Amino acid sequence: MSIDLEQVRSANPIEQLIGEKFALKRQGTRLASVEHDSLVVTPQTGLYFWNSRSEHGDVFDFVGRHFLNYGSSWNNRDAAMFMEVARYLAQRAGIRIEEGATFASRRVGRNANSSSACTRRC
């Protein structure tokens, strides 16, 4: 069995997750944090940028840093960390992940760091 990262990602819109931690306001096609003006979310691309913290990424990165509290030690290429985030997001969306599952991704190009984090059995 493989984990479809695109299914997990699309079931967890980045603006909803970040909106649980920080109040967001619309600014054109983007959303910005009310409290932290350098935190910007772009729903169309599924990415966030937090310029004052030199932080950016997708939903997997935000959850790793802010929901699972890895903070600056978050590494989306660490298979164990990434698997914990993938399981968290899948559970949150009601997606079942079996033990020993591998990652499957249809992503090519755009911000492929997260989707390629685990290519072996985790």
PDB file of N, CA and C in Angstrom:
ATOM      1  N   MET A   1       0.853  -1.184   0.000  1.00  0.00           N
ATOM      2  CA  MET A   1       0.000   0.000   0.000  1.00  0.00           C
ATOM      3  C   MET A   1       0.893   1.239   0.000  1.00  0.00           C
ATOM      4  N   SER A   2       0.478   2.232  -0.710  1.00  0.00           N
ATOM      5  CA  SER A   2       1.241   3.472  -0.720  1.00  0.00           C
ATOM      6  C   SER A   2       0.367   4.632  -0.263  1.00  0.00           C
ATOM      7  N   ILE A   3       1.026   5.662   0.234  1.00  0.00           N
ATOM      8  CA  ILE A   3       0.351   6.859   0.711  1.00  0.00           C
ATOM      9  C   ILE A   3       0.348   7.864  -0.432  1.00  0.00           C
ATOM     10  N   ASP A   4      -0.825   8.309  -0.832  1.00  0.00           N
ATOM     11  CA  ASP A   4      -0.930   9.305  -1.891  1.00  0.00           C
ATOM     12  C   ASP A   4      -0.813  10.688  -1.248  1.00  0.00           C
ATOM     13  N   LEU A   5       0.351  11.291  -1.373  1.00  0.00           N
ATOM     14  CA  LEU A   5       0.600  12.581  -0.737  1.00  0.00           C
ATOM     15  C   LEU A   5      -0.282  13.685  -1.302  1.00  0.00           C
ATOM     16  N   GLU A   6      -0.627  13.586  -2.573  1.00  0.00           N
ATOM     17  CA  GLU A   6      -1.520  14.595  -3.158  1.00  0.00           C
ATOM     18  C   GLU A   6      -2.905  14.525  -2.518  1.00  0.00           C
ATOM     19  N   GLN A   7      -3.377  13.320  -2.238  1.00  0.00           N
ATOM     20  CA  GLN A   7      -4.669  13.167  -1.572  1.00  0.00           C
ATOM     21  C   GLN A   7      -4.612  13.762  -0.171  1.00  0.00           C
ATOM     22  N   VAL A   8      -3.545  13.484   0.551  1.00  0.00           N
ATOM     23  CA  VAL A   8      -3.372  14.023   1.906  1.00  0.00           C
ATOM     24  C   VAL A   8      -3.275  15.544   1.851  1.00  0.00           C
ATOM     25  N   ARG A   9      -2.514  16.062   0.916  1.00  0.00           N
ATOM     26  CA  ARG A   9      -2.335  17.515   0.767  1.00  0.00           C
ATOM     27  C   ARG A   9      -3.657  18.195   0.432  1.00  0.00           C
ATOM     28  N   SER A  10      -4.390  17.672  -0.550  1.00  0.00           N
ATOM     29  CA  SER A  10      -5.635  18.325  -0.974  1.00  0.00           C
ATOM     30  C   SER A  10      -6.727  18.230   0.086  1.00  0.00           C
ATOM     31  N   ALA A  11      -6.644  17.249   0.958  1.00  0.00           N
ATOM     32  CA  ALA A  11      -7.624  17.110   2.037  1.00  0.00           C
ATOM     33  C   ALA A  11      -7.331  18.059   3.199  1.00  0.00           C
ATOM     34  N   ASN A  12      -6.190  18.721   3.155  1.00  0.00           N
ATOM     35  CA  ASN A  12      -5.763  19.637   4.223  1.00  0.00           C
ATOM     36  C   ASN A  12      -5.311  20.964   3.627  1.00  0.00           C
ATOM     37  N   PRO A  13      -6.239  21.810   3.201  1.00  0.00           N
ATOM     38  CA  PRO A  13      -5.849  23.093   2.611  1.00  0.00           C
ATOM     39  C   PRO A  13      -4.987  23.919   3.572  1.00  0.00           C
ATOM     40  N   ILE A  14      -3.908  24.438   3.046  1.00  0.00           N
ATOM     41  CA  ILE A  14      -2.946  25.160   3.877  1.00  0.00           C
ATOM     42  C   ILE A  14      -3.572  26.346   4.602  1.00  0.00           C
ATOM     43  N   GLU A  15      -4.481  27.052   3.931  1.00  0.00           N
ATOM     44  CA  GLU A  15      -5.089  28.220   4.563  1.00  0.00           C
ATOM     45  C   GLU A  15      -5.944  27.831   5.773  1.00  0.00           C
ATOM     46  N   GLN A  16      -6.537  26.650   5.758  1.00  0.00           N
ATOM     47  CA  GLN A  16      -7.319  26.201   6.915  1.00  0.00           C
ATOM     48  C   GLN A  16      -6.406  25.863   8.090  1.00  0.00           C
ATOM     49  N   LEU A  17      -5.323  25.147   7.811  1.00  0.00           N
ATOM     50  CA  LEU A  17      -4.389  24.777   8.879  1.00  0.00           C
ATOM     51  C   LEU A  17      -3.734  25.993   9.515  1.00  0.00           C
ATOM     52  N   ILE A  18      -3.226  26.883   8.695  1.00  0.00           N
ATOM     53  CA  ILE A  18      -2.576  28.072   9.240  1.00  0.00           C
ATOM     54  C   ILE A  18      -3.608  28.941   9.948  1.00  0.00           C
ATOM     55  N   GLY A  19      -4.847  28.978   9.422  1.00  0.00           N
ATOM     56  CA  GLY A  19      -5.926  29.729  10.050  1.00  0.00           C
ATOM     57  C   GLY A  19      -6.291  29.224  11.433  1.00  0.00           C
ATOM     58  N   GLU A  20      -5.960  27.980  11.735  1.00  0.00           N
ATOM     59  CA  GLU A  20      -6.191  27.443  13.084  1.00  0.00           C
ATOM     60  C   GLU A  20      -5.179  27.997  14.088  1.00  0.00           C
ATOM     61  N   LYS A  21      -4.023  28.365  13.613  1.00  0.00           N
ATOM     62  CA  LYS A  21      -2.971  28.896  14.487  1.00  0.00           C
ATOM     63  C   LYS A  21      -2.942  30.423  14.513  1.00  0.00           C
ATOM     64  N   PHE A  22      -3.220  31.030  13.353  1.00  0.00           N
ATOM     65  CA  PHE A  22      -3.119  32.485  13.235  1.00  0.00           C
ATOM     66  C   PHE A  22      -4.325  33.016  12.461  1.00  0.00           C
ATOM     67  N   ALA A  23      -4.863  34.140  12.914  1.00  0.00           N
ATOM     68  CA  ALA A  23      -5.951  34.793  12.180  1.00  0.00           C
ATOM     69  C   ALA A  23      -5.395  35.314  10.862  1.00  0.00           C
ATOM     70  N   LEU A  24      -6.128  35.067   9.775  1.00  0.00           N
ATOM     71  CA  LEU A  24      -5.690  35.486   8.443  1.00  0.00           C
ATOM     72  C   LEU A  24      -6.688  36.460   7.843  1.00  0.00           C
ATOM     73  N   LYS A  25      -6.164  37.390   7.034  1.00  0.00           N
ATOM     74  CA  LYS A  25      -7.030  38.313   6.306  1.00  0.00           C
ATOM     75  C   LYS A  25      -6.653  38.266   4.837  1.00  0.00           C
ATOM     76  N   ARG A  26      -7.639  38.403   3.980  1.00  0.00           N
ATOM     77  CA  ARG A  26      -7.409  38.341   2.536  1.00  0.00           C
ATOM     78  C   ARG A  26      -6.735  39.613   2.050  1.00  0.00           C
ATOM     79  N   GLN A  27      -5.733  39.448   1.210  1.00  0.00           N
ATOM     80  CA  GLN A  27      -5.042  40.554   0.541  1.00  0.00           C
ATOM     81  C   GLN A  27      -4.878  40.152  -0.922  1.00  0.00           C
ATOM     82  N   GLY A  28      -5.891  40.449  -1.720  1.00  0.00           N
ATOM     83  CA  GLY A  28      -5.873  40.023  -3.113  1.00  0.00           C
ATOM     84  C   GLY A  28      -6.042  38.525  -3.201  1.00  0.00           C
ATOM     85  N   THR A  29      -5.114  37.857  -3.868  1.00  0.00           N
ATOM     86  CA  THR A  29      -5.197  36.397  -3.996  1.00  0.00           C
ATOM     87  C   THR A  29      -4.491  35.675  -2.861  1.00  0.00           C
ATOM     88  N   ARG A  30      -3.854  36.433  -1.976  1.00  0.00           N
ATOM     89  CA  ARG A  30      -3.126  35.840  -0.855  1.00  0.00           C
ATOM     90  C   ARG A  30      -3.837  36.125   0.455  1.00  0.00           C
ATOM     91  N   LEU A  31      -3.383  35.473   1.491  1.00  0.00           N
ATOM     92  CA  LEU A  31      -3.849  35.724   2.850  1.00  0.00           C
ATOM     93  C   LEU A  31      -2.644  36.115   3.682  1.00  0.00           C
ATOM     94  N   ALA A  32      -2.830  37.049   4.600  1.00  0.00           N
ATOM     95  CA  ALA A  32      -1.739  37.470   5.478  1.00  0.00           C
ATOM     96  C   ALA A  32      -2.197  37.339   6.919  1.00  0.00           C
ATOM     97  N   SER A  33      -1.280  37.056   7.778  1.00  0.00           N
ATOM     98  CA  SER A  33      -1.594  36.947   9.201  1.00  0.00           C
ATOM     99  C   SER A  33      -1.916  38.323   9.755  1.00  0.00           C
ATOM    100  N   VAL A  34      -2.913  38.376  10.613  1.00  0.00           N
ATOM    101  CA  VAL A  34      -3.282  39.622  11.271  1.00  0.00           C
ATOM    102  C   VAL A  34      -2.203  40.013  12.276  1.00  0.00           C
ATOM    103  N   GLU A  35      -1.653  39.028  12.978  1.00  0.00           N
ATOM    104  CA  GLU A  35      -0.665  39.283  14.030  1.00  0.00           C
ATOM    105  C   GLU A  35       0.759  39.408  13.500  1.00  0.00           C
ATOM    106  N   HIS A  36       1.082  38.651  12.457  1.00  0.00           N
ATOM    107  CA  HIS A  36       2.442  38.600  11.927  1.00  0.00           C
ATOM    108  C   HIS A  36       2.388  38.991  10.458  1.00  0.00           C
ATOM    109  N   ASP A  37       2.603  40.254  10.162  1.00  0.00           N
ATOM    110  CA  ASP A  37       2.399  40.735   8.796  1.00  0.00           C
ATOM    111  C   ASP A  37       3.356  40.143   7.766  1.00  0.00           C
ATOM    112  N   SER A  38       4.406  39.483   8.194  1.00  0.00           N
ATOM    113  CA  SER A  38       5.304  38.874   7.214  1.00  0.00           C
ATOM    114  C   SER A  38       4.938  37.412   6.931  1.00  0.00           C
ATOM    115  N   LEU A  39       3.869  36.909   7.533  1.00  0.00           N
ATOM    116  CA  LEU A  39       3.375  35.557   7.260  1.00  0.00           C
ATOM    117  C   LEU A  39       2.312  35.656   6.175  1.00  0.00           C
ATOM    118  N   VAL A  40       2.599  35.080   5.016  1.00  0.00           N
ATOM    119  CA  VAL A  40       1.715  35.155   3.854  1.00  0.00           C
ATOM    120  C   VAL A  40       1.416  33.742   3.361  1.00  0.00           C
ATOM    121  N   VAL A  41       0.144  33.498   3.050  1.00  0.00           N
ATOM    122  CA  VAL A  41      -0.306  32.199   2.560  1.00  0.00           C
ATOM    123  C   VAL A  41      -0.858  32.393   1.150  1.00  0.00           C
ATOM    124  N   THR A  42      -0.451  31.527   0.247  1.00  0.00           N
ATOM    125  CA  THR A  42      -0.958  31.569  -1.122  1.00  0.00           C
ATOM    126  C   THR A  42      -1.713  30.266  -1.390  1.00  0.00           C
ATOM    127  N   PRO A  43      -3.040  30.280  -1.207  1.00  0.00           N
ATOM    128  CA  PRO A  43      -3.836  29.052  -1.375  1.00  0.00           C
ATOM    129  C   PRO A  43      -3.699  28.409  -2.755  1.00  0.00           C
ATOM    130  N   GLN A  44      -3.556  29.204  -3.808  1.00  0.00           N
ATOM    131  CA  GLN A  44      -3.471  28.656  -5.157  1.00  0.00           C
ATOM    132  C   GLN A  44      -2.264  27.740  -5.342  1.00  0.00           C
ATOM    133  N   THR A  45      -1.176  28.042  -4.696  1.00  0.00           N
ATOM    134  CA  THR A  45       0.027  27.219  -4.816  1.00  0.00           C
ATOM    135  C   THR A  45       0.187  26.260  -3.639  1.00  0.00           C
ATOM    136  N   GLY A  46      -0.563  26.490  -2.570  1.00  0.00           N
ATOM    137  CA  GLY A  46      -0.449  25.644  -1.384  1.00  0.00           C
ATOM    138  C   GLY A  46       0.806  25.920  -0.581  1.00  0.00           C
ATOM    139  N   LEU A  47       1.343  27.127  -0.693  1.00  0.00           N
ATOM    140  CA  LEU A  47       2.596  27.469  -0.013  1.00  0.00           C
ATOM    141  C   LEU A  47       2.399  28.628   0.960  1.00  0.00           C
ATOM    142  N   TYR A  48       3.293  28.692   1.938  1.00  0.00           N
ATOM    143  CA  TYR A  48       3.320  29.835   2.854  1.00  0.00           C
ATOM    144  C   TYR A  48       4.744  30.361   2.918  1.00  0.00           C
ATOM    145  N   PHE A  49       4.841  31.641   3.253  1.00  0.00           N
ATOM    146  CA  PHE A  49       6.131  32.305   3.423  1.00  0.00           C
ATOM    147  C   PHE A  49       6.052  33.124   4.693  1.00  0.00           C
ATOM    148  N   TRP A  50       7.030  32.971   5.558  1.00  0.00           N
ATOM    149  CA  TRP A  50       7.096  33.770   6.777  1.00  0.00           C
ATOM    150  C   TRP A  50       8.453  34.446   6.743  1.00  0.00           C
ATOM    151  N   ASN A  51       8.473  35.603   6.106  1.00  0.00           N
ATOM    152  CA  ASN A  51       9.731  36.277   5.809  1.00  0.00           C
ATOM    153  C   ASN A  51      10.546  36.634   7.045  1.00  0.00           C
ATOM    154  N   SER A  52       9.928  37.131   8.106  1.00  0.00           N
ATOM    155  CA  SER A  52      10.687  37.548   9.286  1.00  0.00           C
ATOM    156  C   SER A  52      11.353  36.362   9.987  1.00  0.00           C
ATOM    157  N   ARG A  53      10.881  35.143   9.712  1.00  0.00           N
ATOM    158  CA  ARG A  53      11.472  33.945  10.314  1.00  0.00           C
ATOM    159  C   ARG A  53      12.286  33.147   9.299  1.00  0.00           C
ATOM    160  N   SER A  54      12.407  33.674   8.079  1.00  0.00           N
ATOM    161  CA  SER A  54      13.093  32.956   6.991  1.00  0.00           C
ATOM    162  C   SER A  54      12.560  31.535   6.862  1.00  0.00           C
ATOM    163  N   GLU A  55      11.239  31.435   6.844  1.00  0.00           N
ATOM    164  CA  GLU A  55      10.568  30.134   6.823  1.00  0.00           C
ATOM    165  C   GLU A  55       9.587  30.104   5.657  1.00  0.00           C
ATOM    166  N   HIS A  56       9.496  28.962   5.003  1.00  0.00           N
ATOM    167  CA  HIS A  56       8.541  28.794   3.919  1.00  0.00           C
ATOM    168  C   HIS A  56       8.293  27.307   3.708  1.00  0.00           C
ATOM    169  N   GLY A  57       7.244  26.994   2.967  1.00  0.00           N
ATOM    170  CA  GLY A  57       6.984  25.598   2.650  1.00  0.00           C
ATOM    171  C   GLY A  57       5.535  25.335   2.341  1.00  0.00           C
ATOM    172  N   ASP A  58       5.175  24.062   2.400  1.00  0.00           N
ATOM    173  CA  ASP A  58       3.815  23.645   2.127  1.00  0.00           C
ATOM    174  C   ASP A  58       3.142  23.186   3.411  1.00  0.00           C
ATOM    175  N   VAL A  59       2.015  22.514   3.277  1.00  0.00           N
ATOM    176  CA  VAL A  59       1.246  22.094   4.443  1.00  0.00           C
ATOM    177  C   VAL A  59       2.036  21.121   5.319  1.00  0.00           C
ATOM    178  N   PHE A  60       2.838  20.254   4.707  1.00  0.00           N
ATOM    179  CA  PHE A  60       3.653  19.311   5.475  1.00  0.00           C
ATOM    180  C   PHE A  60       4.678  20.065   6.322  1.00  0.00           C
ATOM    181  N   ASP A  61       5.305  21.070   5.733  1.00  0.00           N
ATOM    182  CA  ASP A  61       6.299  21.859   6.461  1.00  0.00           C
ATOM    183  C   ASP A  61       5.664  22.626   7.616  1.00  0.00           C
ATOM    184  N   PHE A  62       4.509  23.256   7.372  1.00  0.00           N
ATOM    185  CA  PHE A  62       3.873  24.037   8.429  1.00  0.00           C
ATOM    186  C   PHE A  62       3.461  23.147   9.597  1.00  0.00           C
ATOM    187  N   VAL A  63       2.885  21.999   9.303  1.00  0.00           N
ATOM    188  CA  VAL A  63       2.468  21.080  10.367  1.00  0.00           C
ATOM    189  C   VAL A  63       3.677  20.584  11.144  1.00  0.00           C
ATOM    190  N   GLY A  64       4.748  20.240  10.456  1.00  0.00           N
ATOM    191  CA  GLY A  64       5.957  19.780  11.140  1.00  0.00           C
ATOM    192  C   GLY A  64       6.516  20.829  12.084  1.00  0.00           C
ATOM    193  N   ARG A  65       6.537  22.059  11.629  1.00  0.00           N
ATOM    194  CA  ARG A  65       7.102  23.140  12.449  1.00  0.00           C
ATOM    195  C   ARG A  65       6.166  23.605  13.562  1.00  0.00           C
ATOM    196  N   HIS A  66       4.865  23.713  13.256  1.00  0.00           N
ATOM    197  CA  HIS A  66       3.970  24.411  14.181  1.00  0.00           C
ATOM    198  C   HIS A  66       2.909  23.556  14.861  1.00  0.00           C
ATOM    199  N   PHE A  67       2.533  22.439  14.282  1.00  0.00           N
ATOM    200  CA  PHE A  67       1.561  21.576  14.936  1.00  0.00           C
ATOM    201  C   PHE A  67       2.266  20.488  15.737  1.00  0.00           C
ATOM    202  N   LEU A  68       3.338  19.948  15.189  1.00  0.00           N
ATOM    203  CA  LEU A  68       4.088  18.899  15.883  1.00  0.00           C
ATOM    204  C   LEU A  68       5.302  19.456  16.613  1.00  0.00           C
ATOM    205  N   ASN A  69       5.460  20.758  16.555  1.00  0.00           N
ATOM    206  CA  ASN A  69       6.456  21.495  17.334  1.00  0.00           C
ATOM    207  C   ASN A  69       7.909  21.095  17.090  1.00  0.00           C
ATOM    208  N   TYR A  70       8.243  20.764  15.848  1.00  0.00           N
ATOM    209  CA  TYR A  70       9.644  20.537  15.527  1.00  0.00           C
ATOM    210  C   TYR A  70      10.391  21.858  15.380  1.00  0.00           C
ATOM    211  N   GLY A  71       9.678  22.917  15.099  1.00  0.00           N
ATOM    212  CA  GLY A  71      10.300  24.233  14.976  1.00  0.00           C
ATOM    213  C   GLY A  71      11.437  24.239  13.988  1.00  0.00           C
ATOM    214  N   SER A  72      12.547  24.840  14.387  1.00  0.00           N
ATOM    215  CA  SER A  72      13.681  24.966  13.470  1.00  0.00           C
ATOM    216  C   SER A  72      14.399  23.637  13.230  1.00  0.00           C
ATOM    217  N   SER A  73      14.102  22.608  14.001  1.00  0.00           N
ATOM    218  CA  SER A  73      14.724  21.301  13.761  1.00  0.00           C
ATOM    219  C   SER A  73      13.963  20.492  12.705  1.00  0.00           C
ATOM    220  N   TRP A  74      12.833  21.035  12.198  1.00  0.00           N
ATOM    221  CA  TRP A  74      12.057  20.339  11.169  1.00  0.00           C
ATOM    222  C   TRP A  74      12.920  20.127   9.924  1.00  0.00           C
ATOM    223  N   ASN A  75      12.879  18.895   9.409  1.00  0.00           N
ATOM    224  CA  ASN A  75      13.623  18.540   8.196  1.00  0.00           C
ATOM    225  C   ASN A  75      12.709  17.661   7.359  1.00  0.00           C
ATOM    226  N   ASN A  76      12.192  18.180   6.245  1.00  0.00           N
ATOM    227  CA  ASN A  76      11.251  17.410   5.441  1.00  0.00           C
ATOM    228  C   ASN A  76      11.903  16.263   4.681  1.00  0.00           C
ATOM    229  N   ARG A  77      13.205  16.138   4.783  1.00  0.00           N
ATOM    230  CA  ARG A  77      13.898  15.009   4.163  1.00  0.00           C
ATOM    231  C   ARG A  77      14.175  13.891   5.169  1.00  0.00           C
ATOM    232  N   ASP A  78      13.827  14.117   6.421  1.00  0.00           N
ATOM    233  CA  ASP A  78      13.960  13.082   7.441  1.00  0.00           C
ATOM    234  C   ASP A  78      12.709  12.206   7.365  1.00  0.00           C
ATOM    235  N   ALA A  79      12.889  10.955   6.980  1.00  0.00           N
ATOM    236  CA  ALA A  79      11.747  10.062   6.742  1.00  0.00           C
ATOM    237  C   ALA A  79      10.864   9.891   7.969  1.00  0.00           C
ATOM    238  N   ALA A  80      11.444   9.781   9.152  1.00  0.00           N
ATOM    239  CA  ALA A  80      10.646   9.587  10.362  1.00  0.00           C
ATOM    240  C   ALA A  80       9.799  10.818  10.671  1.00  0.00           C
ATOM    241  N   MET A  81      10.412  11.998  10.569  1.00  0.00           N
ATOM    242  CA  MET A  81       9.658  13.236  10.806  1.00  0.00           C
ATOM    243  C   MET A  81       8.542  13.392   9.776  1.00  0.00           C
ATOM    244  N   PHE A  82       8.897  13.179   8.505  1.00  0.00           N
ATOM    245  CA  PHE A  82       7.922  13.372   7.449  1.00  0.00           C
ATOM    246  C   PHE A  82       6.769  12.383   7.594  1.00  0.00           C
ATOM    247  N   MET A  83       7.065  11.153   7.948  1.00  0.00           N
ATOM    248  CA  MET A  83       6.021  10.140   8.127  1.00  0.00           C
ATOM    249  C   MET A  83       5.089  10.534   9.263  1.00  0.00           C
ATOM    250  N   GLU A  84       5.632  11.104  10.337  1.00  0.00           N
ATOM    251  CA  GLU A  84       4.791  11.558  11.448  1.00  0.00           C
ATOM    252  C   GLU A  84       3.827  12.647  10.981  1.00  0.00           C
ATOM    253  N   VAL A  85       4.314  13.571  10.174  1.00  0.00           N
ATOM    254  CA  VAL A  85       3.463  14.638   9.640  1.00  0.00           C
ATOM    255  C   VAL A  85       2.418  14.058   8.689  1.00  0.00           C
ATOM    256  N   ALA A  86       2.834  13.160   7.806  1.00  0.00           N
ATOM    257  CA  ALA A  86       1.892  12.551   6.853  1.00  0.00           C
ATOM    258  C   ALA A  86       0.796  11.798   7.598  1.00  0.00           C
ATOM    259  N   ARG A  87       1.159  11.056   8.627  1.00  0.00           N
ATOM    260  CA  ARG A  87       0.153  10.336   9.425  1.00  0.00           C
ATOM    261  C   ARG A  87      -0.793  11.305  10.137  1.00  0.00           C
ATOM    262  N   TYR A  88      -0.241  12.377  10.683  1.00  0.00           N
ATOM    263  CA  TYR A  88      -1.062  13.383  11.362  1.00  0.00           C
ATOM    264  C   TYR A  88      -2.093  13.968  10.401  1.00  0.00           C
ATOM    265  N   LEU A  89      -1.637  14.385   9.225  1.00  0.00           N
ATOM    266  CA  LEU A  89      -2.535  14.994   8.246  1.00  0.00           C
ATOM    267  C   LEU A  89      -3.549  13.988   7.702  1.00  0.00           C
ATOM    268  N   ALA A  90      -3.115  12.760   7.477  1.00  0.00           N
ATOM    269  CA  ALA A  90      -4.033  11.730   6.985  1.00  0.00           C
ATOM    270  C   ALA A  90      -5.115  11.441   8.020  1.00  0.00           C
ATOM    271  N   GLN A  91      -4.717  11.287   9.267  1.00  0.00           N
ATOM    272  CA  GLN A  91      -5.687  11.021  10.335  1.00  0.00           C
ATOM    273  C   GLN A  91      -6.680  12.167  10.452  1.00  0.00           C
ATOM    274  N   ARG A  92      -6.192  13.367  10.381  1.00  0.00           N
ATOM    275  CA  ARG A  92      -7.019  14.558  10.461  1.00  0.00           C
ATOM    276  C   ARG A  92      -8.066  14.596   9.348  1.00  0.00           C
ATOM    277  N   ALA A  93      -7.696  14.069   8.171  1.00  0.00           N
ATOM    278  CA  ALA A  93      -8.589  14.072   7.017  1.00  0.00           C
ATOM    279  C   ALA A  93      -9.407  12.786   6.895  1.00  0.00           C
ATOM    280  N   GLY A  94      -9.180  11.852   7.819  1.00  0.00           N
ATOM    281  CA  GLY A  94      -9.919  10.596   7.768  1.00  0.00           C
ATOM    282  C   GLY A  94      -9.387   9.624   6.727  1.00  0.00           C
ATOM    283  N   ILE A  95      -8.124   9.782   6.367  1.00  0.00           N
ATOM    284  CA  ILE A  95      -7.481   8.901   5.392  1.00  0.00           C
ATOM    285  C   ILE A  95      -6.700   7.848   6.166  1.00  0.00           C
ATOM    286  N   ARG A  96      -6.960   6.585   5.875  1.00  0.00           N
ATOM    287  CA  ARG A  96      -6.315   5.488   6.595  1.00  0.00           C
ATOM    288  C   ARG A  96      -4.951   5.191   5.984  1.00  0.00           C
ATOM    289  N   ILE A  97      -3.939   5.082   6.838  1.00  0.00           N
ATOM    290  CA  ILE A  97      -2.591   4.715   6.405  1.00  0.00           C
ATOM    291  C   ILE A  97      -2.206   3.431   7.129  1.00  0.00           C
ATOM    292  N   GLU A  98      -1.838   2.425   6.351  1.00  0.00           N
ATOM    293  CA  GLU A  98      -1.430   1.150   6.933  1.00  0.00           C
ATOM    294  C   GLU A  98       0.040   1.191   7.332  1.00  0.00           C
ATOM    295  N   GLU A  99       0.397   0.361   8.307  1.00  0.00           N
ATOM    296  CA  GLU A  99       1.808   0.244   8.708  1.00  0.00           C
ATOM    297  C   GLU A  99       2.628  -0.256   7.534  1.00  0.00           C
ATOM    298  N   GLY A 100       3.831   0.251   7.404  1.00  0.00           N
ATOM    299  CA  GLY A 100       4.727  -0.171   6.344  1.00  0.00           C
ATOM    300  C   GLY A 100       4.421   0.438   4.990  1.00  0.00           C
ATOM    301  N   ALA A 101       3.510   1.391   4.964  1.00  0.00           N
ATOM    302  CA  ALA A 101       3.159   2.026   3.694  1.00  0.00           C
ATOM    303  C   ALA A 101       4.318   2.849   3.162  1.00  0.00           C
ATOM    304  N   THR A 102       4.379   2.994   1.867  1.00  0.00           N
ATOM    305  CA  THR A 102       5.377   3.833   1.217  1.00  0.00           C
ATOM    306  C   THR A 102       4.679   5.042   0.628  1.00  0.00           C
ATOM    307  N   PHE A 103       5.441   6.053   0.301  1.00  0.00           N
ATOM    308  CA  PHE A 103       4.871   7.263  -0.272  1.00  0.00           C
ATOM    309  C   PHE A 103       4.747   7.130  -1.778  1.00  0.00           C
ATOM    310  N   ALA A 104       3.628   7.621  -2.296  1.00  0.00           N
ATOM    311  CA  ALA A 104       3.431   7.729  -3.739  1.00  0.00           C
ATOM    312  C   ALA A 104       3.052   9.158  -4.015  1.00  0.00           C
ATOM    313  N   SER A 105       3.639   9.740  -5.003  1.00  0.00           N
ATOM    314  CA  SER A 105       3.304  11.116  -5.337  1.00  0.00           C
ATOM    315  C   SER A 105       3.258  11.294  -6.831  1.00  0.00           C
ATOM    316  N   ARG A 106       2.271  12.024  -7.275  1.00  0.00           N
ATOM    317  CA  ARG A 106       2.163  12.358  -8.684  1.00  0.00           C
ATOM    318  C   ARG A 106       2.796  13.700  -8.957  1.00  0.00           C
ATOM    319  N   ARG A 107       3.356  14.342  -7.947  1.00  0.00           N
ATOM    320  CA  ARG A 107       3.944  15.677  -8.104  1.00  0.00           C
ATOM    321  C   ARG A 107       5.203  15.617  -8.920  1.00  0.00           C
ATOM    322  N   VAL A 108       5.311  16.523  -9.829  1.00  0.00           N
ATOM    323  CA  VAL A 108       6.544  16.688 -10.588  1.00  0.00           C
ATOM    324  C   VAL A 108       6.810  18.176 -10.631  1.00  0.00           C
ATOM    325  N   GLY A 109       8.016  18.576 -10.284  1.00  0.00           N
ATOM    326  CA  GLY A 109       8.353  19.995 -10.366  1.00  0.00           C
ATOM    327  C   GLY A 109       8.056  20.740  -9.090  1.00  0.00           C
ATOM    328  N   ARG A 110       7.001  21.539  -9.067  1.00  0.00           N
ATOM    329  CA  ARG A 110       6.659  22.490  -8.015  1.00  0.00           C
ATOM    330  C   ARG A 110       6.919  21.966  -6.605  1.00  0.00           C
ATOM    331  N   ASN A 111       7.857  22.584  -5.911  1.00  0.00           N
ATOM    332  CA  ASN A 111       8.152  22.298  -4.506  1.00  0.00           C
ATOM    333  C   ASN A 111       8.153  20.810  -4.199  1.00  0.00           C
ATOM    334  N   ALA A 112       8.914  20.050  -4.912  1.00  0.00           N
ATOM    335  CA  ALA A 112       8.919  18.604  -4.760  1.00  0.00           C
ATOM    336  C   ALA A 112       9.646  18.126  -3.516  1.00  0.00           C
ATOM    337  N   ASN A 113      10.220  19.008  -2.712  1.00  0.00           N
ATOM    338  CA  ASN A 113      10.965  18.586  -1.522  1.00  0.00           C
ATOM    339  C   ASN A 113      10.154  17.692  -0.610  1.00  0.00           C
ATOM    340  N   SER A 114       8.973  18.115  -0.236  1.00  0.00           N
ATOM    341  CA  SER A 114       8.180  17.342   0.706  1.00  0.00           C
ATOM    342  C   SER A 114       7.738  16.021   0.142  1.00  0.00           C
ATOM    343  N   SER A 115       7.309  16.005  -1.098  1.00  0.00           N
ATOM    344  CA  SER A 115       6.768  14.776  -1.669  1.00  0.00           C
ATOM    345  C   SER A 115       7.830  13.727  -1.905  1.00  0.00           C
ATOM    346  N   SER A 116       9.102  14.121  -1.945  1.00  0.00           N
ATOM    347  CA  SER A 116      10.158  13.138  -2.181  1.00  0.00           C
ATOM    348  C   SER A 116      10.882  12.768  -0.899  1.00  0.00           C
ATOM    349  N   ALA A 117      10.356  13.138   0.233  1.00  0.00           N
ATOM    350  CA  ALA A 117      11.061  12.931   1.490  1.00  0.00           C
ATOM    351  C   ALA A 117      11.281  11.470   1.819  1.00  0.00           C
ATOM    352  N   CYS A 118      10.332  10.625   1.475  1.00  0.00           N
ATOM    353  CA  CYS A 118      10.486   9.218   1.819  1.00  0.00           C
ATOM    354  C   CYS A 118      10.222   8.370   0.582  1.00  0.00           C
ATOM    355  N   THR A 119      11.238   7.700   0.110  1.00  0.00           N
ATOM    356  CA  THR A 119      11.056   6.874  -1.071  1.00  0.00           C
ATOM    357  C   THR A 119      11.252   5.402  -0.737  1.00  0.00           C
ATOM    358  N   ARG A 120      11.438   5.110   0.516  1.00  0.00           N
ATOM    359  CA  ARG A 120      11.554   3.716   0.933  1.00  0.00           C
ATOM    360  C   ARG A 120      10.446   3.425   1.933  1.00  0.00           C
ATOM    361  N   ARG A 121      10.375   2.199   2.376  1.00  0.00           N
ATOM    362  CA  ARG A 121       9.342   1.839   3.351  1.00  0.00           C
ATOM    363  C   ARG A 121       9.635   2.552   4.658  1.00  0.00           C
ATOM    364  N   CYS A 122       8.598   3.151   5.239  1.00  0.00           N
ATOM    365  CA  CYS A 122       8.779   3.914   6.476  1.00  0.00           C
ATOM    366  C   CYS A 122       8.035   3.266   7.619  1.00  0.00           C
TER     367      CYS A 122
END
